[in-house]
Amino acid sequence: MNRALGGVLVAAVVLGATAGHAHTLASTIVSVTMTHPSRLTITIAAEADPLIAKLEALAGVSASGSLTTVRERRARIESLFPTLRAHIDARVAGTPLVLDLQDVAVDDTAQTEIHLTARMPTGASTLTWRSTFIFGAYRLSTRSGDAADAIEWLQGPQTSTPIALEALRAETDGTAAADASALWQYRTRIGHGLAMVALVIYVIGRRRRKRPALAGA
């Protein structure tokens, strides 16, 4: 009986440790926005300390212990970015995206936002998202064009449904306006240049016509 009770206690301790180790990160929100026709922005919002603990466990490194400042938490998350990236599978038209770390923000309540960017392949606009650093359910929010955010709840390593992305219209219009402005400036400079050439030719012509008249006088 004592041995059986001891076995139950050991099993309970192991299960408890596993449950604590495998934090669900249930408050995590992943947001995906196509901010430019060739650029994708991904924001991961989560509680900093559970996220750090999970990434340290996945990386197989020693726990950092108690982190108490914004700077310490931010630096630790940045150092664990390779592990985070290795547990994200974001694909466009079946091709994995190369994710880059833009920045990490941590506030005084130990909430963090991790901003990632990726270049979109030309002509591709369908995204699938999958992560293996979150256990349990979490929210995936995507914005396409000027439409409202589309929300999908994913469970752990579940792959999202294919998401058709479109750049924000303001960004697209801004790019088009910038291109039009550059073209207008280019044409204006050419026009000014041609006008200057014409003026120089006119002045030279007038001087040549005046010289015979002065010689005759």
N, C-alpha and C. Protein backbone atom coordinates (compact mmCIF):
# COMPACT_ATOMS: atom_id res chain seq x y z
N MET A 1 0.83 -1.20 0.00
CA MET A 1 0.00 0.00 0.00
C MET A 1 0.86 1.25 0.00
N ASN A 2 1.90 1.24 0.82
CA ASN A 2 2.78 2.40 0.88
C ASN A 2 3.47 2.64 -0.47
N ARG A 3 3.89 1.48 -1.10
CA ARG A 3 4.55 1.62 -2.40
C ARG A 3 3.57 2.17 -3.44
N ALA A 4 2.33 1.66 -3.40
CA ALA A 4 1.32 2.15 -4.35
C ALA A 4 1.06 3.63 -4.14
N LEU A 5 0.94 4.02 -2.86
CA LEU A 5 0.71 5.44 -2.55
C LEU A 5 1.88 6.28 -2.99
N GLY A 6 3.10 5.74 -2.78
CA GLY A 6 4.29 6.47 -3.21
C GLY A 6 4.31 6.64 -4.72
N GLY A 7 3.87 5.58 -5.45
CA GLY A 7 3.83 5.68 -6.90
C GLY A 7 2.85 6.73 -7.37
N VAL A 8 1.70 6.78 -6.70
CA VAL A 8 0.70 7.79 -7.05
C VAL A 8 1.22 9.18 -6.81
N LEU A 9 1.91 9.37 -5.70
CA LEU A 9 2.46 10.69 -5.39
C LEU A 9 3.51 11.11 -6.40
N VAL A 10 4.38 10.16 -6.77
CA VAL A 10 5.41 10.47 -7.77
C VAL A 10 4.76 10.85 -9.08
N ALA A 11 3.73 10.07 -9.50
CA ALA A 11 3.05 10.37 -10.75
C ALA A 11 2.40 11.74 -10.71
N ALA A 12 1.81 12.08 -9.56
CA ALA A 12 1.17 13.38 -9.42
C ALA A 12 2.17 14.51 -9.53
N VAL A 13 3.35 14.32 -8.93
CA VAL A 13 4.39 15.35 -9.00
C VAL A 13 4.85 15.53 -10.44
N VAL A 14 5.07 14.41 -11.15
CA VAL A 14 5.53 14.48 -12.54
C VAL A 14 4.51 15.16 -13.42
N LEU A 15 3.23 14.77 -13.26
CA LEU A 15 2.18 15.39 -14.05
C LEU A 15 2.07 16.87 -13.75
N GLY A 16 2.20 17.23 -12.48
CA GLY A 16 2.13 18.64 -12.11
C GLY A 16 3.26 19.42 -12.71
N ALA A 17 4.46 18.84 -12.70
CA ALA A 17 5.61 19.52 -13.29
C ALA A 17 5.42 19.68 -14.78
N THR A 18 4.88 18.64 -15.43
CA THR A 18 4.66 18.72 -16.88
C THR A 18 3.64 19.78 -17.22
N ALA A 19 2.57 19.82 -16.43
CA ALA A 19 1.54 20.83 -16.68
C ALA A 19 2.10 22.23 -16.51
N GLY A 20 2.93 22.42 -15.48
CA GLY A 20 3.53 23.74 -15.28
C GLY A 20 4.52 24.07 -16.37
N HIS A 21 5.23 23.05 -16.86
CA HIS A 21 6.22 23.24 -17.90
C HIS A 21 5.57 23.59 -19.23
N ALA A 22 4.41 22.97 -19.49
CA ALA A 22 3.74 23.16 -20.78
C ALA A 22 2.65 24.20 -20.63
N HIS A 23 3.03 25.42 -20.36
CA HIS A 23 2.09 26.51 -20.20
C HIS A 23 1.32 26.71 -21.50
N THR A 24 0.04 26.90 -21.40
CA THR A 24 -0.79 26.97 -22.61
C THR A 24 -0.62 28.28 -23.37
N LEU A 25 -0.16 29.32 -22.71
CA LEU A 25 -0.07 30.65 -23.34
C LEU A 25 -1.42 31.03 -23.95
N ALA A 26 -2.48 30.75 -23.20
CA ALA A 26 -3.83 30.93 -23.73
C ALA A 26 -4.14 32.38 -24.07
N SER A 27 -3.44 33.33 -23.46
CA SER A 27 -3.71 34.74 -23.72
C SER A 27 -2.96 35.26 -24.94
N THR A 28 -2.26 34.40 -25.63
CA THR A 28 -1.48 34.82 -26.79
C THR A 28 -2.39 35.17 -27.96
N ILE A 29 -2.07 36.25 -28.63
CA ILE A 29 -2.79 36.67 -29.85
C ILE A 29 -1.76 36.89 -30.95
N VAL A 30 -1.99 36.28 -32.09
CA VAL A 30 -1.12 36.47 -33.25
C VAL A 30 -1.90 37.29 -34.28
N SER A 31 -1.31 38.38 -34.73
CA SER A 31 -1.94 39.25 -35.72
C SER A 31 -1.08 39.30 -36.98
N VAL A 32 -1.73 39.15 -38.12
CA VAL A 32 -1.02 39.15 -39.40
C VAL A 32 -1.64 40.23 -40.28
N THR A 33 -0.80 41.10 -40.80
CA THR A 33 -1.27 42.18 -41.68
C THR A 33 -0.31 42.32 -42.85
N MET A 34 -0.88 42.46 -44.02
CA MET A 34 -0.08 42.74 -45.21
C MET A 34 -0.01 44.26 -45.35
N THR A 35 1.04 44.85 -44.79
CA THR A 35 1.14 46.30 -44.72
C THR A 35 1.60 46.92 -46.03
N HIS A 36 2.08 46.09 -46.93
CA HIS A 36 2.61 46.55 -48.22
C HIS A 36 2.50 45.38 -49.17
N PRO A 37 2.32 45.63 -50.47
CA PRO A 37 2.19 44.50 -51.41
C PRO A 37 3.34 43.50 -51.34
N SER A 38 4.49 43.92 -50.84
CA SER A 38 5.63 43.00 -50.79
C SER A 38 6.10 42.72 -49.37
N ARG A 39 5.31 43.13 -48.36
CA ARG A 39 5.77 42.97 -46.97
C ARG A 39 4.63 42.53 -46.06
N LEU A 40 4.95 41.59 -45.19
CA LEU A 40 3.99 41.06 -44.23
C LEU A 40 4.48 41.38 -42.82
N THR A 41 3.57 41.83 -41.96
CA THR A 41 3.91 42.12 -40.57
C THR A 41 3.14 41.17 -39.66
N ILE A 42 3.86 40.53 -38.73
CA ILE A 42 3.25 39.59 -37.78
C ILE A 42 3.55 40.09 -36.37
N THR A 43 2.51 40.20 -35.55
CA THR A 43 2.67 40.63 -34.16
C THR A 43 2.21 39.51 -33.24
N ILE A 44 3.07 39.14 -32.30
CA ILE A 44 2.75 38.13 -31.30
C ILE A 44 2.63 38.83 -29.96
N ALA A 45 1.42 38.87 -29.40
CA ALA A 45 1.17 39.51 -28.11
C ALA A 45 0.96 38.42 -27.06
N ALA A 46 1.70 38.49 -25.97
CA ALA A 46 1.63 37.43 -24.96
C ALA A 46 2.15 37.94 -23.62
N GLU A 47 1.96 37.13 -22.59
CA GLU A 47 2.59 37.40 -21.30
C GLU A 47 4.07 37.04 -21.42
N ALA A 48 4.93 37.94 -21.04
CA ALA A 48 6.36 37.77 -21.27
C ALA A 48 6.95 36.57 -20.53
N ASP A 49 6.64 36.45 -19.24
CA ASP A 49 7.31 35.42 -18.43
C ASP A 49 6.95 33.99 -18.84
N PRO A 50 5.67 33.65 -19.05
CA PRO A 50 5.36 32.30 -19.54
C PRO A 50 5.96 32.03 -20.92
N LEU A 51 5.99 33.06 -21.78
CA LEU A 51 6.57 32.88 -23.11
C LEU A 51 8.07 32.60 -23.01
N ILE A 52 8.75 33.34 -22.16
CA ILE A 52 10.19 33.13 -21.96
C ILE A 52 10.44 31.72 -21.45
N ALA A 53 9.64 31.29 -20.46
CA ALA A 53 9.81 29.94 -19.89
C ALA A 53 9.61 28.88 -20.97
N LYS A 54 8.60 29.06 -21.81
CA LYS A 54 8.32 28.08 -22.87
C LYS A 54 9.48 28.03 -23.88
N LEU A 55 9.95 29.19 -24.31
CA LEU A 55 11.03 29.23 -25.29
C LEU A 55 12.33 28.66 -24.72
N GLU A 56 12.60 28.91 -23.45
CA GLU A 56 13.79 28.34 -22.82
C GLU A 56 13.71 26.82 -22.78
N ALA A 57 12.51 26.30 -22.48
CA ALA A 57 12.33 24.85 -22.45
C ALA A 57 12.51 24.26 -23.85
N LEU A 58 11.96 24.92 -24.86
CA LEU A 58 12.09 24.43 -26.23
C LEU A 58 13.53 24.51 -26.71
N ALA A 59 14.26 25.53 -26.23
CA ALA A 59 15.66 25.69 -26.64
C ALA A 59 16.58 24.76 -25.89
N GLY A 60 16.09 24.18 -24.77
CA GLY A 60 16.93 23.30 -23.96
C GLY A 60 18.00 24.04 -23.20
N VAL A 61 17.70 25.28 -22.80
CA VAL A 61 18.67 26.08 -22.05
C VAL A 61 18.18 26.25 -20.62
N SER A 62 19.07 26.65 -19.75
CA SER A 62 18.72 26.85 -18.35
C SER A 62 17.74 28.00 -18.21
N ALA A 63 16.83 27.85 -17.27
CA ALA A 63 15.86 28.91 -17.02
C ALA A 63 16.57 30.16 -16.52
N SER A 64 16.10 31.30 -16.97
CA SER A 64 16.75 32.56 -16.62
C SER A 64 16.42 33.02 -15.21
N GLY A 65 15.49 32.34 -14.57
CA GLY A 65 15.12 32.75 -13.21
C GLY A 65 14.17 33.92 -13.23
N SER A 66 14.18 34.69 -12.19
CA SER A 66 13.24 35.80 -12.05
C SER A 66 13.75 37.03 -12.79
N LEU A 67 13.01 37.42 -13.81
CA LEU A 67 13.32 38.65 -14.53
C LEU A 67 12.37 39.73 -14.04
N THR A 68 12.90 40.85 -13.66
CA THR A 68 12.07 41.86 -12.99
C THR A 68 11.93 43.17 -13.76
N THR A 69 12.77 43.40 -14.75
CA THR A 69 12.72 44.68 -15.45
C THR A 69 12.32 44.49 -16.90
N VAL A 70 11.84 45.58 -17.48
CA VAL A 70 11.47 45.56 -18.90
C VAL A 70 12.68 45.22 -19.76
N ARG A 71 13.82 45.81 -19.42
CA ARG A 71 15.03 45.58 -20.22
C ARG A 71 15.44 44.11 -20.18
N GLU A 72 15.39 43.48 -19.00
CA GLU A 72 15.78 42.07 -18.87
C GLU A 72 14.87 41.17 -19.69
N ARG A 73 13.57 41.40 -19.60
CA ARG A 73 12.62 40.57 -20.35
C ARG A 73 12.81 40.76 -21.86
N ARG A 74 12.96 42.00 -22.28
CA ARG A 74 13.13 42.26 -23.71
C ARG A 74 14.39 41.60 -24.24
N ALA A 75 15.49 41.74 -23.51
CA ALA A 75 16.75 41.15 -23.94
C ALA A 75 16.66 39.62 -24.02
N ARG A 76 15.94 39.03 -23.04
CA ARG A 76 15.83 37.57 -23.04
C ARG A 76 15.00 37.08 -24.21
N ILE A 77 13.91 37.76 -24.52
CA ILE A 77 13.09 37.38 -25.66
C ILE A 77 13.87 37.53 -26.96
N GLU A 78 14.62 38.61 -27.08
CA GLU A 78 15.43 38.80 -28.29
C GLU A 78 16.45 37.69 -28.45
N SER A 79 17.06 37.25 -27.35
CA SER A 79 18.06 36.18 -27.43
C SER A 79 17.43 34.84 -27.80
N LEU A 80 16.13 34.69 -27.51
CA LEU A 80 15.43 33.44 -27.81
C LEU A 80 14.70 33.48 -29.14
N PHE A 81 14.90 34.54 -29.91
CA PHE A 81 14.19 34.65 -31.19
C PHE A 81 14.48 33.49 -32.14
N PRO A 82 15.72 32.99 -32.26
CA PRO A 82 15.94 31.84 -33.14
C PRO A 82 15.06 30.64 -32.79
N THR A 83 14.83 30.42 -31.51
CA THR A 83 13.95 29.32 -31.08
C THR A 83 12.50 29.62 -31.46
N LEU A 84 12.07 30.86 -31.24
CA LEU A 84 10.72 31.25 -31.62
C LEU A 84 10.51 31.05 -33.12
N ARG A 85 11.45 31.53 -33.91
CA ARG A 85 11.31 31.42 -35.37
C ARG A 85 11.27 29.96 -35.82
N ALA A 86 12.05 29.10 -35.14
CA ALA A 86 12.08 27.68 -35.50
C ALA A 86 10.75 26.99 -35.23
N HIS A 87 9.91 27.59 -34.38
CA HIS A 87 8.63 26.98 -34.03
C HIS A 87 7.46 27.72 -34.66
N ILE A 88 7.75 28.46 -35.72
CA ILE A 88 6.71 29.12 -36.52
C ILE A 88 6.83 28.62 -37.95
N ASP A 89 5.70 28.22 -38.50
CA ASP A 89 5.67 27.77 -39.89
C ASP A 89 4.64 28.62 -40.63
N ALA A 90 5.10 29.72 -41.20
CA ALA A 90 4.24 30.61 -41.97
C ALA A 90 4.59 30.42 -43.44
N ARG A 91 3.59 30.09 -44.24
CA ARG A 91 3.84 29.80 -45.65
C ARG A 91 2.93 30.63 -46.55
N VAL A 92 3.49 31.02 -47.67
CA VAL A 92 2.72 31.70 -48.70
C VAL A 92 2.77 30.85 -49.96
N ALA A 93 1.60 30.42 -50.40
CA ALA A 93 1.50 29.52 -51.55
C ALA A 93 2.39 28.29 -51.36
N GLY A 94 2.48 27.81 -50.12
CA GLY A 94 3.25 26.61 -49.82
C GLY A 94 4.72 26.84 -49.57
N THR A 95 5.20 28.06 -49.78
CA THR A 95 6.62 28.37 -49.59
C THR A 95 6.84 29.02 -48.22
N PRO A 96 7.75 28.46 -47.39
CA PRO A 96 7.99 29.05 -46.07
C PRO A 96 8.51 30.48 -46.16
N LEU A 97 7.99 31.34 -45.31
CA LEU A 97 8.47 32.72 -45.25
C LEU A 97 9.70 32.81 -44.35
N VAL A 98 10.60 33.71 -44.68
CA VAL A 98 11.76 33.98 -43.83
C VAL A 98 11.39 35.14 -42.91
N LEU A 99 11.26 34.85 -41.64
CA LEU A 99 10.82 35.85 -40.68
C LEU A 99 12.01 36.57 -40.05
N ASP A 100 11.91 37.88 -39.99
CA ASP A 100 12.95 38.70 -39.35
C ASP A 100 12.35 39.40 -38.14
N LEU A 101 13.17 39.58 -37.13
CA LEU A 101 12.73 40.28 -35.93
C LEU A 101 12.84 41.78 -36.15
N GLN A 102 11.69 42.47 -36.06
CA GLN A 102 11.71 43.92 -36.18
C GLN A 102 12.01 44.58 -34.83
N ASP A 103 11.23 44.21 -33.81
CA ASP A 103 11.50 44.72 -32.47
C ASP A 103 10.68 43.95 -31.45
N VAL A 104 11.03 44.14 -30.18
CA VAL A 104 10.32 43.53 -29.07
C VAL A 104 9.94 44.64 -28.10
N ALA A 105 8.66 44.70 -27.75
CA ALA A 105 8.19 45.69 -26.78
C ALA A 105 7.67 44.96 -25.55
N VAL A 106 8.06 45.45 -24.37
CA VAL A 106 7.59 44.89 -23.10
C VAL A 106 7.14 46.06 -22.23
N ASP A 107 5.94 45.93 -21.63
CA ASP A 107 5.48 47.02 -20.78
C ASP A 107 5.68 46.69 -19.29
N ASP A 108 5.23 47.60 -18.44
CA ASP A 108 5.45 47.45 -17.00
C ASP A 108 4.63 46.32 -16.37
N THR A 109 3.63 45.82 -17.10
CA THR A 109 2.82 44.71 -16.59
C THR A 109 3.32 43.36 -17.12
N ALA A 110 4.50 43.37 -17.73
CA ALA A 110 5.13 42.14 -18.25
C ALA A 110 4.36 41.55 -19.43
N GLN A 111 3.66 42.41 -20.17
CA GLN A 111 3.05 41.99 -21.43
C GLN A 111 4.03 42.34 -22.55
N THR A 112 4.12 41.48 -23.54
CA THR A 112 5.07 41.73 -24.61
C THR A 112 4.40 41.68 -25.98
N GLU A 113 4.94 42.43 -26.89
CA GLU A 113 4.56 42.35 -28.30
C GLU A 113 5.84 42.15 -29.10
N ILE A 114 5.84 41.07 -29.88
CA ILE A 114 6.99 40.76 -30.73
C ILE A 114 6.58 41.04 -32.17
N HIS A 115 7.30 41.91 -32.83
CA HIS A 115 6.96 42.30 -34.19
C HIS A 115 7.93 41.65 -35.17
N LEU A 116 7.37 40.88 -36.09
CA LEU A 116 8.15 40.18 -37.11
C LEU A 116 7.76 40.71 -38.48
N THR A 117 8.69 40.63 -39.42
CA THR A 117 8.40 41.02 -40.79
C THR A 117 8.89 39.93 -41.74
N ALA A 118 8.28 39.91 -42.91
CA ALA A 118 8.69 38.96 -43.94
C ALA A 118 8.37 39.55 -45.30
N ARG A 119 9.19 39.25 -46.27
CA ARG A 119 8.94 39.70 -47.63
C ARG A 119 8.02 38.70 -48.32
N MET A 120 7.03 39.23 -49.02
CA MET A 120 6.07 38.39 -49.72
C MET A 120 6.60 38.05 -51.12
N PRO A 121 6.50 36.79 -51.52
CA PRO A 121 6.88 36.45 -52.90
C PRO A 121 5.99 37.19 -53.89
N THR A 122 6.55 37.53 -55.03
CA THR A 122 5.81 38.27 -56.04
C THR A 122 4.61 37.46 -56.54
N GLY A 123 3.46 38.11 -56.55
CA GLY A 123 2.26 37.46 -57.08
C GLY A 123 1.59 36.49 -56.15
N ALA A 124 2.12 36.30 -54.94
CA ALA A 124 1.53 35.34 -53.99
C ALA A 124 0.78 36.10 -52.89
N SER A 125 -0.38 35.57 -52.49
CA SER A 125 -1.16 36.29 -51.47
C SER A 125 -1.93 35.37 -50.53
N THR A 126 -1.71 34.06 -50.60
CA THR A 126 -2.43 33.12 -49.73
C THR A 126 -1.48 32.59 -48.66
N LEU A 127 -1.86 32.82 -47.40
CA LEU A 127 -1.00 32.49 -46.26
C LEU A 127 -1.61 31.37 -45.43
N THR A 128 -0.75 30.50 -44.91
CA THR A 128 -1.14 29.57 -43.85
C THR A 128 -0.18 29.76 -42.67
N TRP A 129 -0.73 29.61 -41.47
CA TRP A 129 0.04 29.85 -40.24
C TRP A 129 -0.03 28.62 -39.35
N ARG A 130 1.11 28.28 -38.76
CA ARG A 130 1.17 27.19 -37.80
C ARG A 130 2.29 27.48 -36.80
N SER A 131 2.04 27.20 -35.52
CA SER A 131 3.08 27.40 -34.52
C SER A 131 3.11 26.20 -33.59
N THR A 132 4.29 25.93 -33.05
CA THR A 132 4.44 24.81 -32.12
C THR A 132 5.00 25.26 -30.77
N PHE A 133 4.93 26.55 -30.50
CA PHE A 133 5.39 27.04 -29.19
C PHE A 133 4.21 27.37 -28.28
N ILE A 134 3.00 27.15 -28.77
CA ILE A 134 1.80 27.42 -27.97
C ILE A 134 1.03 26.11 -27.79
N PHE A 135 0.70 25.78 -26.54
CA PHE A 135 -0.19 24.67 -26.25
C PHE A 135 -1.57 25.25 -25.97
N GLY A 136 -2.60 24.55 -26.35
CA GLY A 136 -3.95 25.04 -26.10
C GLY A 136 -4.41 25.98 -27.19
N ALA A 137 -5.53 26.66 -26.92
CA ALA A 137 -6.15 27.51 -27.92
C ALA A 137 -5.56 28.92 -27.89
N TYR A 138 -5.46 29.53 -29.07
CA TYR A 138 -5.04 30.93 -29.16
C TYR A 138 -5.70 31.55 -30.38
N ARG A 139 -5.67 32.86 -30.42
CA ARG A 139 -6.38 33.60 -31.46
C ARG A 139 -5.44 34.06 -32.57
N LEU A 140 -5.84 33.81 -33.80
CA LEU A 140 -5.12 34.31 -34.97
C LEU A 140 -6.00 35.36 -35.63
N SER A 141 -5.47 36.57 -35.72
CA SER A 141 -6.21 37.68 -36.31
C SER A 141 -5.50 38.11 -37.60
N THR A 142 -6.24 38.19 -38.69
CA THR A 142 -5.65 38.60 -39.96
C THR A 142 -6.45 39.76 -40.54
N ARG A 143 -5.73 40.66 -41.17
CA ARG A 143 -6.39 41.80 -41.83
C ARG A 143 -5.99 41.80 -43.29
N SER A 144 -7.00 41.84 -44.15
CA SER A 144 -6.77 41.86 -45.59
C SER A 144 -7.41 43.10 -46.18
N GLY A 145 -6.61 43.92 -46.83
CA GLY A 145 -7.12 45.16 -47.40
C GLY A 145 -7.70 46.05 -46.32
N ASP A 146 -8.84 46.66 -46.60
CA ASP A 146 -9.49 47.54 -45.63
C ASP A 146 -10.63 46.85 -44.89
N ALA A 147 -10.74 45.53 -45.05
CA ALA A 147 -11.80 44.79 -44.37
C ALA A 147 -11.48 44.66 -42.88
N ALA A 148 -12.50 44.32 -42.10
CA ALA A 148 -12.31 44.12 -40.66
C ALA A 148 -11.46 42.87 -40.43
N ASP A 149 -10.87 42.80 -39.24
CA ASP A 149 -10.03 41.65 -38.91
C ASP A 149 -10.84 40.36 -38.96
N ALA A 150 -10.23 39.32 -39.52
CA ALA A 150 -10.82 37.99 -39.51
C ALA A 150 -10.19 37.21 -38.36
N ILE A 151 -11.01 36.58 -37.54
CA ILE A 151 -10.54 35.88 -36.35
C ILE A 151 -10.69 34.37 -36.54
N GLU A 152 -9.62 33.64 -36.22
CA GLU A 152 -9.67 32.19 -36.24
C GLU A 152 -9.00 31.67 -34.96
N TRP A 153 -9.67 30.75 -34.29
CA TRP A 153 -9.09 30.15 -33.10
C TRP A 153 -8.40 28.85 -33.48
N LEU A 154 -7.13 28.74 -33.09
CA LEU A 154 -6.34 27.56 -33.40
C LEU A 154 -6.00 26.80 -32.12
N GLN A 155 -5.81 25.52 -32.24
CA GLN A 155 -5.49 24.68 -31.10
C GLN A 155 -4.07 24.15 -31.25
N GLY A 156 -3.16 24.64 -30.39
CA GLY A 156 -1.79 24.14 -30.42
C GLY A 156 -1.16 24.24 -31.79
N PRO A 157 -0.67 23.10 -32.31
CA PRO A 157 0.04 23.11 -33.60
C PRO A 157 -0.87 23.05 -34.82
N GLN A 158 -2.14 23.35 -34.63
CA GLN A 158 -3.08 23.31 -35.75
C GLN A 158 -2.71 24.33 -36.82
N THR A 159 -2.86 23.95 -38.09
CA THR A 159 -2.59 24.85 -39.20
C THR A 159 -3.84 25.65 -39.53
N SER A 160 -3.67 26.92 -39.77
CA SER A 160 -4.82 27.78 -40.09
C SER A 160 -5.39 27.42 -41.45
N THR A 161 -6.60 27.87 -41.69
CA THR A 161 -7.16 27.77 -43.03
C THR A 161 -6.40 28.75 -43.93
N PRO A 162 -6.31 28.48 -45.23
CA PRO A 162 -5.62 29.43 -46.12
C PRO A 162 -6.24 30.82 -46.04
N ILE A 163 -5.39 31.81 -45.92
CA ILE A 163 -5.84 33.19 -45.74
C ILE A 163 -5.43 34.00 -46.97
N ALA A 164 -6.41 34.60 -47.64
CA ALA A 164 -6.12 35.46 -48.79
C ALA A 164 -5.80 36.85 -48.29
N LEU A 165 -4.61 37.32 -48.57
CA LEU A 165 -4.17 38.61 -48.07
C LEU A 165 -4.16 39.65 -49.18
N GLU A 166 -4.48 40.86 -48.78
CA GLU A 166 -4.45 42.00 -49.69
C GLU A 166 -3.88 43.18 -48.92
N ALA A 167 -3.01 43.94 -49.56
CA ALA A 167 -2.39 45.08 -48.88
C ALA A 167 -3.43 46.12 -48.52
N LEU A 168 -3.17 46.85 -47.43
CA LEU A 168 -4.05 47.94 -47.04
C LEU A 168 -4.16 48.93 -48.18
N ARG A 169 -5.37 49.36 -48.47
CA ARG A 169 -5.58 50.24 -49.62
C ARG A 169 -4.81 51.54 -49.46
N ALA A 170 -4.74 52.06 -48.24
CA ALA A 170 -4.01 53.31 -48.01
C ALA A 170 -2.55 53.15 -48.38
N GLU A 171 -1.98 51.97 -48.03
CA GLU A 171 -0.58 51.72 -48.36
C GLU A 171 -0.41 51.61 -49.86
N THR A 172 -1.36 50.86 -50.51
CA THR A 172 -1.26 50.70 -51.96
C THR A 172 -1.41 52.02 -52.65
N ASP A 173 -2.43 52.82 -52.22
CA ASP A 173 -2.63 54.14 -52.83
C ASP A 173 -1.43 55.04 -52.58
N GLY A 174 -0.84 54.92 -51.37
CA GLY A 174 0.33 55.72 -51.06
C GLY A 174 1.49 55.38 -51.95
N THR A 175 1.68 54.09 -52.22
CA THR A 175 2.75 53.67 -53.11
C THR A 175 2.52 54.19 -54.51
N ALA A 176 1.26 54.07 -54.97
CA ALA A 176 0.94 54.55 -56.31
C ALA A 176 1.15 56.06 -56.41
N ALA A 177 0.73 56.77 -55.34
CA ALA A 177 0.90 58.23 -55.34
C ALA A 177 2.38 58.61 -55.35
N ALA A 178 3.17 57.87 -54.59
CA ALA A 178 4.61 58.14 -54.57
C ALA A 178 5.23 57.89 -55.94
N ASP A 179 4.79 56.81 -56.60
CA ASP A 179 5.31 56.53 -57.94
C ASP A 179 4.90 57.61 -58.92
N ALA A 180 3.63 58.06 -58.81
CA ALA A 180 3.15 59.12 -59.70
C ALA A 180 3.92 60.42 -59.46
N SER A 181 4.18 60.71 -58.18
CA SER A 181 4.92 61.93 -57.84
C SER A 181 6.34 61.87 -58.40
N ALA A 182 6.98 60.71 -58.26
CA ALA A 182 8.33 60.56 -58.79
C ALA A 182 8.35 60.73 -60.30
N LEU A 183 7.32 60.15 -60.97
CA LEU A 183 7.25 60.28 -62.43
C LEU A 183 7.04 61.73 -62.83
N TRP A 184 6.16 62.45 -62.08
CA TRP A 184 5.91 63.85 -62.38
C TRP A 184 7.18 64.68 -62.22
N GLN A 185 7.93 64.42 -61.12
CA GLN A 185 9.18 65.14 -60.91
C GLN A 185 10.18 64.85 -62.01
N TYR A 186 10.20 63.58 -62.44
CA TYR A 186 11.14 63.21 -63.51
C TYR A 186 10.79 63.95 -64.80
N ARG A 187 9.48 63.94 -65.13
CA ARG A 187 9.07 64.63 -66.35
C ARG A 187 9.30 66.13 -66.23
N THR A 188 9.07 66.68 -65.03
CA THR A 188 9.27 68.12 -64.83
C THR A 188 10.74 68.48 -65.02
N ARG A 189 11.63 67.64 -64.48
CA ARG A 189 13.06 67.91 -64.65
C ARG A 189 13.48 67.84 -66.10
N ILE A 190 12.94 66.85 -66.82
CA ILE A 190 13.25 66.75 -68.24
C ILE A 190 12.74 67.98 -68.97
N GLY A 191 11.50 68.40 -68.61
CA GLY A 191 10.94 69.59 -69.25
C GLY A 191 11.78 70.82 -68.97
N HIS A 192 12.22 70.99 -67.74
CA HIS A 192 13.07 72.13 -67.39
C HIS A 192 14.39 72.06 -68.14
N GLY A 193 14.91 70.86 -68.26
CA GLY A 193 16.19 70.69 -68.95
C GLY A 193 16.07 71.06 -70.42
N LEU A 194 14.99 70.58 -71.05
CA LEU A 194 14.78 70.92 -72.47
C LEU A 194 14.57 72.41 -72.65
N ALA A 195 13.84 73.02 -71.72
CA ALA A 195 13.61 74.47 -71.80
C ALA A 195 14.93 75.22 -71.68
N MET A 196 15.83 74.77 -70.80
CA MET A 196 17.12 75.42 -70.63
C MET A 196 17.96 75.29 -71.89
N VAL A 197 17.93 74.10 -72.50
CA VAL A 197 18.68 73.90 -73.75
C VAL A 197 18.15 74.83 -74.82
N ALA A 198 16.83 74.92 -74.93
CA ALA A 198 16.24 75.80 -75.94
C ALA A 198 16.63 77.26 -75.69
N LEU A 199 16.68 77.68 -74.41
CA LEU A 199 17.05 79.05 -74.08
C LEU A 199 18.49 79.34 -74.49
N VAL A 200 19.40 78.38 -74.20
CA VAL A 200 20.80 78.56 -74.56
C VAL A 200 20.96 78.68 -76.07
N ILE A 201 20.25 77.82 -76.81
CA ILE A 201 20.33 77.88 -78.28
C ILE A 201 19.81 79.22 -78.79
N TYR A 202 18.72 79.70 -78.18
CA TYR A 202 18.14 80.99 -78.58
C TYR A 202 19.12 82.13 -78.34
N VAL A 203 19.76 82.15 -77.16
CA VAL A 203 20.71 83.22 -76.82
C VAL A 203 21.90 83.19 -77.76
N ILE A 204 22.43 82.00 -78.03
CA ILE A 204 23.57 81.88 -78.94
C ILE A 204 23.18 82.38 -80.33
N GLY A 205 21.98 82.05 -80.79
CA GLY A 205 21.51 82.49 -82.11
C GLY A 205 21.42 84.00 -82.19
N ARG A 206 20.90 84.59 -81.14
CA ARG A 206 20.76 86.05 -81.14
C ARG A 206 22.13 86.72 -81.19
N ARG A 207 23.09 86.17 -80.44
CA ARG A 207 24.43 86.77 -80.44
C ARG A 207 25.07 86.67 -81.82
N ARG A 208 24.87 85.56 -82.48
CA ARG A 208 25.45 85.40 -83.82
C ARG A 208 24.81 86.34 -84.83
N ARG A 209 23.50 86.58 -84.67
CA ARG A 209 22.83 87.52 -85.60
C ARG A 209 23.26 88.95 -85.37
N LYS A 210 23.61 89.31 -84.10
CA LYS A 210 23.99 90.67 -83.78
C LYS A 210 25.39 91.00 -84.27
N ARG A 211 26.31 90.01 -84.34
CA ARG A 211 27.70 90.30 -84.70
C ARG A 211 27.84 90.89 -86.10
N PRO A 212 27.19 90.37 -87.16
CA PRO A 212 27.31 91.01 -88.48
C PRO A 212 26.82 92.44 -88.49
N ALA A 213 25.74 92.72 -87.78
CA ALA A 213 25.18 94.07 -87.74
C ALA A 213 26.19 95.03 -87.12
N LEU A 214 26.89 94.63 -86.06
CA LEU A 214 27.88 95.49 -85.42
C LEU A 214 29.06 95.69 -86.33
N ALA A 215 29.44 94.66 -87.07
CA ALA A 215 30.59 94.80 -87.97
C ALA A 215 30.28 95.79 -89.08
N GLY A 216 29.04 95.78 -89.61
CA GLY A 216 28.65 96.69 -90.67
C GLY A 216 28.64 98.12 -90.20
N ALA A 217 28.27 98.35 -88.92
CA ALA A 217 28.21 99.71 -88.38
C ALA A 217 29.61 100.27 -88.28
